[in-house]
């Protein structure tokens, strides 16, 4: 008999990500693109990042979330 794993609770997953200390300090949180897709999907993450007024980049198979609603600039 195979055991099935229930799908993740999207709200709980997002709460855990955005409760990180880096978020409270206005820092950066990164997560693997593949892991996000497996857990909740990119659209759900993008929606939450936008709702919070943060910024999100993708680089090297990682999503980088800048947990600060202010402007930023890419230097190089």
PDB file of N, CA and C in Angstrom:
ATOM      1  N   UNK A   1       0.850  -1.181   0.000  1.00  0.00           N
ATOM      2  CA  UNK A   1       0.000   0.000   0.000  1.00  0.00           C
ATOM      3  C   UNK A   1       0.895   1.244   0.000  1.00  0.00           C
ATOM      4  N   UNK A   2       0.595   2.169  -0.877  1.00  0.00           N
ATOM      5  CA  UNK A   2       1.364   3.409  -0.936  1.00  0.00           C
ATOM      6  C   UNK A   2       0.672   4.498  -0.130  1.00  0.00           C
ATOM      7  N   UNK A   3       1.502   5.252   0.531  1.00  0.00           N
ATOM      8  CA  UNK A   3       0.987   6.349   1.351  1.00  0.00           C
ATOM      9  C   UNK A   3       0.963   7.617   0.499  1.00  0.00           C
ATOM     10  N   UNK A   4      -0.158   8.315   0.522  1.00  0.00           N
ATOM     11  CA  UNK A   4      -0.230   9.561  -0.230  1.00  0.00           C
ATOM     12  C   UNK A   4       0.021  10.730   0.710  1.00  0.00           C
ATOM     13  N   UNK A   5       0.717  11.703   0.176  1.00  0.00           N
ATOM     14  CA  UNK A   5       1.021  12.898   0.956  1.00  0.00           C
ATOM     15  C   UNK A   5       0.014  13.963   0.575  1.00  0.00           C
ATOM     16  N   UNK A   6      -0.644  14.564   1.570  1.00  0.00           N
ATOM     17  CA  UNK A   6      -1.638  15.588   1.234  1.00  0.00           C
ATOM     18  C   UNK A   6      -0.960  16.814   0.633  1.00  0.00           C
ATOM     19  N   UNK A   7      -1.680  17.541  -0.239  1.00  0.00           N
ATOM     20  CA  UNK A   7      -1.087  18.751  -0.805  1.00  0.00           C
ATOM     21  C   UNK A   7      -0.811  19.771   0.292  1.00  0.00           C
ATOM     22  N   UNK A   8       0.206  20.597   0.096  1.00  0.00           N
ATOM     23  CA  UNK A   8       0.530  21.576   1.140  1.00  0.00           C
ATOM     24  C   UNK A   8      -0.580  22.603   1.306  1.00  0.00           C
ATOM     25  N   UNK A   9      -0.703  23.111   2.483  1.00  0.00           N
ATOM     26  CA  UNK A   9      -1.644  24.183   2.765  1.00  0.00           C
ATOM     27  C   UNK A   9      -0.989  25.473   2.279  1.00  0.00           C
ATOM     28  N   UNK A  10      -1.486  26.008   1.186  1.00  0.00           N
ATOM     29  CA  UNK A  10      -0.876  27.178   0.549  1.00  0.00           C
ATOM     30  C   UNK A  10      -0.719  28.347   1.518  1.00  0.00           C
ATOM     31  N   UNK A  11      -1.760  28.638   2.292  1.00  0.00           N
ATOM     32  CA  UNK A  11      -1.686  29.767   3.228  1.00  0.00           C
ATOM     33  C   UNK A  11      -0.628  29.533   4.301  1.00  0.00           C
ATOM     34  N   UNK A  12      -0.554  28.322   4.793  1.00  0.00           N
ATOM     35  CA  UNK A  12       0.453  27.999   5.811  1.00  0.00           C
ATOM     36  C   UNK A  12       1.857  28.115   5.224  1.00  0.00           C
ATOM     37  N   UNK A  13       2.048  27.616   4.019  1.00  0.00           N
ATOM     38  CA  UNK A  13       3.343  27.679   3.352  1.00  0.00           C
ATOM     39  C   UNK A  13       3.780  29.137   3.194  1.00  0.00           C
ATOM     40  N   UNK A  14       2.871  29.980   2.726  1.00  0.00           N
ATOM     41  CA  UNK A  14       3.195  31.395   2.547  1.00  0.00           C
ATOM     42  C   UNK A  14       3.471  32.086   3.880  1.00  0.00           C
ATOM     43  N   UNK A  15       2.699  31.756   4.906  1.00  0.00           N
ATOM     44  CA  UNK A  15       2.944  32.338   6.237  1.00  0.00           C
ATOM     45  C   UNK A  15       4.339  31.987   6.722  1.00  0.00           C
ATOM     46  N   UNK A  16       4.746  30.750   6.527  1.00  0.00           N
ATOM     47  CA  UNK A  16       6.078  30.325   6.972  1.00  0.00           C
ATOM     48  C   UNK A  16       7.178  31.075   6.227  1.00  0.00           C
ATOM     49  N   UNK A  17       7.034  31.222   4.923  1.00  0.00           N
ATOM     50  CA  UNK A  17       8.041  31.940   4.139  1.00  0.00           C
ATOM     51  C   UNK A  17       8.140  33.394   4.597  1.00  0.00           C
ATOM     52  N   UNK A  18       7.000  34.039   4.737  1.00  0.00           N
ATOM     53  CA  UNK A  18       6.997  35.463   5.038  1.00  0.00           C
ATOM     54  C   UNK A  18       7.059  35.774   6.538  1.00  0.00           C
ATOM     55  N   UNK A  19       7.282  34.756   7.354  1.00  0.00           N
ATOM     56  CA  UNK A  19       7.508  35.006   8.776  1.00  0.00           C
ATOM     57  C   UNK A  19       8.997  34.949   9.110  1.00  0.00           C
ATOM     58  N   UNK A  20       9.831  34.749   8.097  1.00  0.00           N
ATOM     59  CA  UNK A  20      11.281  34.688   8.304  1.00  0.00           C
ATOM     60  C   UNK A  20      11.796  36.025   8.829  1.00  0.00           C
ATOM     61  N   UNK A  21      12.840  35.955   9.608  1.00  0.00           N
ATOM     62  CA  UNK A  21      13.433  37.155  10.187  1.00  0.00           C
ATOM     63  C   UNK A  21      13.875  38.142   9.099  1.00  0.00           C
ATOM     64  N   UNK A  22      14.361  37.631   7.986  1.00  0.00           N
ATOM     65  CA  UNK A  22      14.796  38.498   6.885  1.00  0.00           C
ATOM     66  C   UNK A  22      13.651  39.375   6.384  1.00  0.00           C
ATOM     67  N   UNK A  23      12.451  38.838   6.386  1.00  0.00           N
ATOM     68  CA  UNK A  23      11.286  39.603   5.930  1.00  0.00           C
ATOM     69  C   UNK A  23      11.041  40.776   6.876  1.00  0.00           C
ATOM     70  N   UNK A  24      11.077  40.517   8.157  1.00  0.00           N
ATOM     71  CA  UNK A  24      10.836  41.576   9.147  1.00  0.00           C
ATOM     72  C   UNK A  24      11.893  42.668   9.086  1.00  0.00           C
ATOM     73  N   UNK A  25      13.103  42.309   8.682  1.00  0.00           N
ATOM     74  CA  UNK A  25      14.190  43.294   8.595  1.00  0.00           C
ATOM     75  C   UNK A  25      14.254  43.981   7.235  1.00  0.00           C
ATOM     76  N   UNK A  26      13.379  43.593   6.316  1.00  0.00           N
ATOM     77  CA  UNK A  26      13.407  44.175   4.978  1.00  0.00           C
ATOM     78  C   UNK A  26      14.507  43.588   4.117  1.00  0.00           C
ATOM     79  N   UNK A  27      14.907  42.362   4.418  1.00  0.00           N
ATOM     80  CA  UNK A  27      15.994  41.704   3.702  1.00  0.00           C
ATOM     81  C   UNK A  27      15.521  40.928   2.488  1.00  0.00           C
ATOM     82  N   UNK A  28      16.269  39.887   2.179  1.00  0.00           N
ATOM     83  CA  UNK A  28      16.011  39.074   0.986  1.00  0.00           C
ATOM     84  C   UNK A  28      15.741  37.631   1.399  1.00  0.00           C
ATOM     85  N   UNK A  29      14.732  37.039   0.774  1.00  0.00           N
ATOM     86  CA  UNK A  29      14.409  35.623   0.972  1.00  0.00           C
ATOM     87  C   UNK A  29      14.583  34.958  -0.384  1.00  0.00           C
ATOM     88  N   UNK A  30      15.173  33.771  -0.395  1.00  0.00           N
ATOM     89  CA  UNK A  30      15.305  33.061  -1.675  1.00  0.00           C
ATOM     90  C   UNK A  30      14.763  31.649  -1.538  1.00  0.00           C
ATOM     91  N   UNK A  31      14.171  31.191  -2.616  1.00  0.00           N
ATOM     92  CA  UNK A  31      13.624  29.842  -2.667  1.00  0.00           C
ATOM     93  C   UNK A  31      13.869  29.272  -4.055  1.00  0.00           C
ATOM     94  N   UNK A  32      14.091  27.994  -4.126  1.00  0.00           N
ATOM     95  CA  UNK A  32      14.291  27.293  -5.387  1.00  0.00           C
ATOM     96  C   UNK A  32      13.025  27.363  -6.240  1.00  0.00           C
ATOM     97  N   UNK A  33      13.207  27.665  -7.524  1.00  0.00           N
ATOM     98  CA  UNK A  33      12.080  27.719  -8.456  1.00  0.00           C
ATOM     99  C   UNK A  33      11.364  26.373  -8.475  1.00  0.00           C
ATOM    100  N   UNK A  34      12.132  25.298  -8.532  1.00  0.00           N
ATOM    101  CA  UNK A  34      11.533  23.964  -8.588  1.00  0.00           C
ATOM    102  C   UNK A  34      10.720  23.660  -7.332  1.00  0.00           C
ATOM    103  N   UNK A  35      11.246  24.047  -6.184  1.00  0.00           N
ATOM    104  CA  UNK A  35      10.546  23.788  -4.926  1.00  0.00           C
ATOM    105  C   UNK A  35       9.239  24.569  -4.859  1.00  0.00           C
ATOM    106  N   UNK A  36       9.276  25.832  -5.278  1.00  0.00           N
ATOM    107  CA  UNK A  36       8.063  26.655  -5.283  1.00  0.00           C
ATOM    108  C   UNK A  36       7.015  26.017  -6.189  1.00  0.00           C
ATOM    109  N   UNK A  37       7.437  25.589  -7.377  1.00  0.00           N
ATOM    110  CA  UNK A  37       6.499  24.953  -8.304  1.00  0.00           C
ATOM    111  C   UNK A  37       5.876  23.694  -7.708  1.00  0.00           C
ATOM    112  N   UNK A  38       6.669  22.902  -7.015  1.00  0.00           N
ATOM    113  CA  UNK A  38       6.164  21.669  -6.410  1.00  0.00           C
ATOM    114  C   UNK A  38       5.208  21.954  -5.257  1.00  0.00           C
ATOM    115  N   UNK A  39       5.504  22.979  -4.497  1.00  0.00           N
ATOM    116  CA  UNK A  39       4.737  23.250  -3.278  1.00  0.00           C
ATOM    117  C   UNK A  39       3.453  24.037  -3.517  1.00  0.00           C
ATOM    118  N   UNK A  40       3.553  25.197  -4.179  1.00  0.00           N
ATOM    119  CA  UNK A  40       2.356  26.040  -4.328  1.00  0.00           C
ATOM    120  C   UNK A  40       2.173  26.629  -5.713  1.00  0.00           C
ATOM    121  N   UNK A  41       3.206  26.626  -6.526  1.00  0.00           N
ATOM    122  CA  UNK A  41       3.134  27.236  -7.850  1.00  0.00           C
ATOM    123  C   UNK A  41       3.606  28.685  -7.821  1.00  0.00           C
ATOM    124  N   UNK A  42       4.213  29.083  -8.902  1.00  0.00           N
ATOM    125  CA  UNK A  42       4.770  30.425  -8.995  1.00  0.00           C
ATOM    126  C   UNK A  42       3.693  31.502  -8.916  1.00  0.00           C
ATOM    127  N   UNK A  43       2.550  31.279  -9.537  1.00  0.00           N
ATOM    128  CA  UNK A  43       1.493  32.294  -9.540  1.00  0.00           C
ATOM    129  C   UNK A  43       1.073  32.683  -8.121  1.00  0.00           C
ATOM    130  N   UNK A  44       0.965  31.703  -7.245  1.00  0.00           N
ATOM    131  CA  UNK A  44       0.574  31.992  -5.859  1.00  0.00           C
ATOM    132  C   UNK A  44       1.640  32.820  -5.153  1.00  0.00           C
ATOM    133  N   UNK A  45       2.905  32.503  -5.403  1.00  0.00           N
ATOM    134  CA  UNK A  45       3.989  33.260  -4.785  1.00  0.00           C
ATOM    135  C   UNK A  45       4.030  34.681  -5.326  1.00  0.00           C
ATOM    136  N   UNK A  46       3.914  34.835  -6.627  1.00  0.00           N
ATOM    137  CA  UNK A  46       3.916  36.165  -7.237  1.00  0.00           C
ATOM    138  C   UNK A  46       2.770  37.006  -6.676  1.00  0.00           C
ATOM    139  N   UNK A  47       1.601  36.423  -6.542  1.00  0.00           N
ATOM    140  CA  UNK A  47       0.450  37.154  -5.996  1.00  0.00           C
ATOM    141  C   UNK A  47       0.728  37.673  -4.594  1.00  0.00           C
ATOM    142  N   UNK A  48       1.334  36.834  -3.761  1.00  0.00           N
ATOM    143  CA  UNK A  48       1.632  37.241  -2.391  1.00  0.00           C
ATOM    144  C   UNK A  48       2.714  38.310  -2.348  1.00  0.00           C
ATOM    145  N   UNK A  49       3.731  38.176  -3.188  1.00  0.00           N
ATOM    146  CA  UNK A  49       4.798  39.187  -3.246  1.00  0.00           C
ATOM    147  C   UNK A  49       4.199  40.531  -3.663  1.00  0.00           C
ATOM    148  N   UNK A  50       3.352  40.521  -4.666  1.00  0.00           N
ATOM    149  CA  UNK A  50       2.699  41.764  -5.114  1.00  0.00           C
ATOM    150  C   UNK A  50       1.801  42.347  -4.032  1.00  0.00           C
ATOM    151  N   UNK A  51       1.045  41.490  -3.373  1.00  0.00           N
ATOM    152  CA  UNK A  51       0.135  41.956  -2.316  1.00  0.00           C
ATOM    153  C   UNK A  51       0.903  42.703  -1.239  1.00  0.00           C
ATOM    154  N   UNK A  52       2.098  42.241  -0.939  1.00  0.00           N
ATOM    155  CA  UNK A  52       2.924  42.861   0.096  1.00  0.00           C
ATOM    156  C   UNK A  52       3.718  44.063  -0.422  1.00  0.00           C
ATOM    157  N   UNK A  53       3.694  44.293  -1.726  1.00  0.00           N
ATOM    158  CA  UNK A  53       4.437  45.410  -2.304  1.00  0.00           C
ATOM    159  C   UNK A  53       5.930  45.149  -2.410  1.00  0.00           C
ATOM    160  N   UNK A  54       6.334  43.876  -2.334  1.00  0.00           N
ATOM    161  CA  UNK A  54       7.737  43.504  -2.431  1.00  0.00           C
ATOM    162  C   UNK A  54       8.121  43.323  -3.899  1.00  0.00           C
ATOM    163  N   UNK A  55       9.359  42.932  -4.134  1.00  0.00           N
ATOM    164  CA  UNK A  55       9.873  42.707  -5.488  1.00  0.00           C
ATOM    165  C   UNK A  55      10.413  41.284  -5.571  1.00  0.00           C
ATOM    166  N   UNK A  56      10.347  40.700  -6.773  1.00  0.00           N
ATOM    167  CA  UNK A  56      10.813  39.329  -6.944  1.00  0.00           C
ATOM    168  C   UNK A  56      11.610  39.216  -8.235  1.00  0.00           C
ATOM    169  N   UNK A  57      12.748  38.554  -8.139  1.00  0.00           N
ATOM    170  CA  UNK A  57      13.618  38.311  -9.282  1.00  0.00           C
ATOM    171  C   UNK A  57      13.827  36.805  -9.412  1.00  0.00           C
ATOM    172  N   UNK A  58      14.225  36.375 -10.594  1.00  0.00           N
ATOM    173  CA  UNK A  58      14.610  34.982 -10.788  1.00  0.00           C
ATOM    174  C   UNK A  58      16.027  34.956 -11.331  1.00  0.00           C
ATOM    175  N   UNK A  59      16.889  34.177 -10.691  1.00  0.00           N
ATOM    176  CA  UNK A  59      18.276  34.062 -11.137  1.00  0.00           C
ATOM    177  C   UNK A  59      18.831  32.711 -10.695  1.00  0.00           C
ATOM    178  N   UNK A  60      19.458  32.011 -11.608  1.00  0.00           N
ATOM    179  CA  UNK A  60      20.125  30.764 -11.272  1.00  0.00           C
ATOM    180  C   UNK A  60      19.235  29.718 -10.631  1.00  0.00           C
ATOM    181  N   UNK A  61      17.995  29.619 -11.087  1.00  0.00           N
ATOM    182  CA  UNK A  61      17.088  28.615 -10.528  1.00  0.00           C
ATOM    183  C   UNK A  61      16.535  28.977  -9.160  1.00  0.00           C
ATOM    184  N   UNK A  62      16.685  30.240  -8.764  1.00  0.00           N
ATOM    185  CA  UNK A  62      16.197  30.708  -7.469  1.00  0.00           C
ATOM    186  C   UNK A  62      15.278  31.915  -7.678  1.00  0.00           C
ATOM    187  N   UNK A  63      14.267  32.010  -6.833  1.00  0.00           N
ATOM    188  CA  UNK A  63      13.484  33.238  -6.744  1.00  0.00           C
ATOM    189  C   UNK A  63      14.074  34.039  -5.600  1.00  0.00           C
ATOM    190  N   UNK A  64      14.348  35.289  -5.861  1.00  0.00           N
ATOM    191  CA  UNK A  64      14.864  36.197  -4.845  1.00  0.00           C
ATOM    192  C   UNK A  64      13.760  37.210  -4.555  1.00  0.00           C
ATOM    193  N   UNK A  65      13.329  37.256  -3.317  1.00  0.00           N
ATOM    194  CA  UNK A  65      12.268  38.175  -2.925  1.00  0.00           C
ATOM    195  C   UNK A  65      12.882  39.271  -2.077  1.00  0.00           C
ATOM    196  N   UNK A  66      12.788  40.484  -2.563  1.00  0.00           N
ATOM    197  CA  UNK A  66      13.293  41.641  -1.843  1.00  0.00           C
ATOM    198  C   UNK A  66      12.139  42.134  -0.979  1.00  0.00           C
ATOM    199  N   UNK A  67      12.278  41.949   0.313  1.00  0.00           N
ATOM    200  CA  UNK A  67      11.184  42.193   1.261  1.00  0.00           C
ATOM    201  C   UNK A  67      11.171  43.643   1.738  1.00  0.00           C
ATOM    202  N   UNK A  68      11.106  44.530   0.773  1.00  0.00           N
ATOM    203  CA  UNK A  68      11.085  45.941   1.043  1.00  0.00           C
ATOM    204  C   UNK A  68      10.297  46.591  -0.085  1.00  0.00           C
ATOM    205  N   UNK A  69       9.279  47.366   0.236  1.00  0.00           N
ATOM    206  CA  UNK A  69       8.457  47.948  -0.833  1.00  0.00           C
ATOM    207  C   UNK A  69       9.122  49.134  -1.530  1.00  0.00           C
ATOM    208  N   UNK A  70      10.269  49.591  -1.035  1.00  0.00           N
ATOM    209  CA  UNK A  70      10.941  50.727  -1.665  1.00  0.00           C
ATOM    210  C   UNK A  70      11.544  50.372  -3.013  1.00  0.00           C
ATOM    211  N   UNK A  71      11.999  51.381  -3.687  1.00  0.00           N
ATOM    212  CA  UNK A  71      12.629  51.170  -4.984  1.00  0.00           C
ATOM    213  C   UNK A  71      13.982  50.495  -4.810  1.00  0.00           C
ATOM    214  N   UNK A  72      14.417  49.831  -5.850  1.00  0.00           N
ATOM    215  CA  UNK A  72      15.747  49.249  -5.868  1.00  0.00           C
ATOM    216  C   UNK A  72      16.313  49.426  -7.266  1.00  0.00           C
ATOM    217  N   UNK A  73      17.615  49.305  -7.395  1.00  0.00           N
ATOM    218  CA  UNK A  73      18.210  49.369  -8.722  1.00  0.00           C
ATOM    219  C   UNK A  73      19.225  48.255  -8.855  1.00  0.00           C
ATOM    220  N   UNK A  74      19.330  47.745 -10.032  1.00  0.00           N
ATOM    221  CA  UNK A  74      20.312  46.705 -10.309  1.00  0.00           C
ATOM    222  C   UNK A  74      21.577  47.411 -10.785  1.00  0.00           C
ATOM    223  N   UNK A  75      22.671  47.185 -10.087  1.00  0.00           N
ATOM    224  CA  UNK A  75      23.928  47.862 -10.380  1.00  0.00           C
ATOM    225  C   UNK A  75      24.637  47.212 -11.564  1.00  0.00           C
ATOM    226  N   UNK A  76      24.740  45.905 -11.563  1.00  0.00           N
ATOM    227  CA  UNK A  76      25.385  45.225 -12.701  1.00  0.00           C
ATOM    228  C   UNK A  76      24.889  43.802 -12.793  1.00  0.00           C
TER     229      UNK A  76
END
